[in-house]
Amino acid sequence: MREANLRLGAALAEVEGLYAALLRAGSSARRRELQAELARAAARLASVASASAPAPSLGVPRSRRARRRVLAQRGAAWIMARYGRGGR
C-alpha cells in the first residue's frame, strides 16, 4: 500500500508541476507543448489512482489517505476532461 501511495504522490506532483508551468508559459507553442504533456501526465495519474483505489464504499472516506486519494482521482478526472483527448 505504501508503494502505491508513493506512486500516486509522484504522479500527482508531476501534474501539479506541469500545471504550474502551464500557468507561467510565455509562448503559445510552449503552452501547447505543456498542455500535451499535462494530458499525458493526467492520464498516468488516472491510471495510477484507479489501480490503487480500494473497492468503492458507501460511506465518506475518513482517513487522510483516503480523502487525498479521492481528491487526486477527482483532480485527474477534471484535468482529463479539460485537457485530454482533443481538448484545448
Protein backbone atom coordinates (compact mmCIF):
# COMPACT_ATOMS: atom_id res chain seq x y z
CA MET A 1 0.00 0.00 0.00
CA ARG A 2 2.84 2.39 0.81
CA GLU A 3 4.40 1.84 -2.60
CA ALA A 4 1.08 2.60 -4.31
CA ASN A 5 0.73 5.80 -2.28
CA LEU A 6 4.24 6.86 -3.31
CA ARG A 7 3.42 6.27 -6.98
CA LEU A 8 0.20 8.22 -6.59
CA GLY A 9 2.01 11.10 -4.89
CA ALA A 10 4.67 11.22 -7.61
CA ALA A 11 2.06 11.23 -10.38
CA LEU A 12 0.11 13.98 -8.61
CA ALA A 13 3.27 16.06 -8.15
CA GLU A 14 4.04 15.73 -11.86
CA VAL A 15 0.58 17.01 -12.77
CA GLU A 16 0.85 19.88 -10.31
CA GLY A 17 4.27 20.87 -11.66
CA LEU A 18 3.14 20.80 -15.27
CA TYR A 19 0.04 22.81 -14.44
CA ALA A 20 2.15 25.44 -12.65
CA ALA A 21 4.49 25.59 -15.67
CA LEU A 22 1.50 25.97 -17.98
CA LEU A 23 0.23 28.93 -15.99
CA ARG A 24 3.59 30.67 -16.45
CA ALA A 25 4.25 29.66 -20.07
CA GLY A 26 5.01 32.55 -22.38
CA SER A 27 4.71 31.46 -25.99
CA SER A 28 1.72 29.69 -27.45
CA ALA A 29 3.95 26.90 -28.78
CA ARG A 30 5.24 26.23 -25.27
CA ARG A 31 1.68 26.31 -23.92
CA ARG A 32 0.56 23.69 -26.47
CA GLU A 33 3.55 21.51 -25.59
CA LEU A 34 2.79 21.77 -21.87
CA GLN A 35 -0.91 21.04 -22.45
CA ALA A 36 0.01 17.85 -24.29
CA GLU A 37 2.42 16.84 -21.50
CA LEU A 38 -0.23 17.68 -18.91
CA ALA A 39 -2.79 15.49 -20.67
CA ARG A 40 -0.37 12.55 -20.71
CA ALA A 41 0.54 13.09 -17.05
CA ALA A 42 -3.14 13.29 -16.11
CA ALA A 43 -3.79 10.02 -17.91
CA ARG A 44 -0.93 8.41 -15.96
CA LEU A 45 -2.32 9.85 -12.73
CA ALA A 46 -5.77 8.49 -13.51
CA SER A 47 -4.40 5.02 -14.22
CA VAL A 48 -2.28 5.02 -11.05
CA ALA A 49 -5.21 6.32 -8.98
CA SER A 50 -7.64 3.75 -10.37
CA ALA A 51 -5.16 0.90 -9.91
CA SER A 52 -4.51 1.79 -6.29
CA ALA A 53 -8.09 2.65 -5.38
CA PRO A 54 -9.82 0.38 -2.91
CA ALA A 55 -13.26 -1.01 -3.63
CA PRO A 56 -15.86 1.75 -3.50
CA SER A 57 -17.60 2.09 -0.18
CA LEU A 58 -20.92 3.60 0.72
CA GLY A 59 -19.53 5.97 3.33
CA VAL A 60 -17.40 9.07 3.25
CA PRO A 61 -13.65 8.40 3.35
CA ARG A 62 -12.46 9.01 6.89
CA SER A 63 -8.70 8.69 6.76
CA ARG A 64 -6.42 11.40 5.40
CA ARG A 65 -5.03 9.00 2.80
CA ALA A 66 -8.48 8.00 1.60
CA ARG A 67 -9.57 11.63 1.30
CA ARG A 68 -6.37 12.54 -0.55
CA ARG A 69 -6.83 9.60 -2.93
CA VAL A 70 -10.40 10.67 -3.69
CA LEU A 71 -9.26 14.26 -4.30
CA ALA A 72 -6.48 13.04 -6.60
CA GLN A 73 -8.98 10.98 -8.60
CA ARG A 74 -11.31 13.97 -8.93
CA GLY A 75 -8.43 16.20 -9.98
CA ALA A 76 -7.24 13.72 -12.57
CA ALA A 77 -10.76 13.38 -13.98
CA TRP A 78 -11.11 17.17 -14.18
CA ILE A 79 -7.75 17.59 -15.96
CA MET A 80 -8.56 14.79 -18.40
CA ALA A 81 -11.95 16.34 -19.15
CA ARG A 82 -10.39 19.75 -19.68
CA TYR A 83 -7.14 18.96 -21.49
CA GLY A 84 -7.30 15.35 -22.61
CA ARG A 85 -8.21 13.86 -25.95
CA GLY A 86 -8.53 16.74 -28.33
CA GLY A 87 -9.24 19.35 -25.67
CA ARG A 88 -7.98 22.89 -25.93
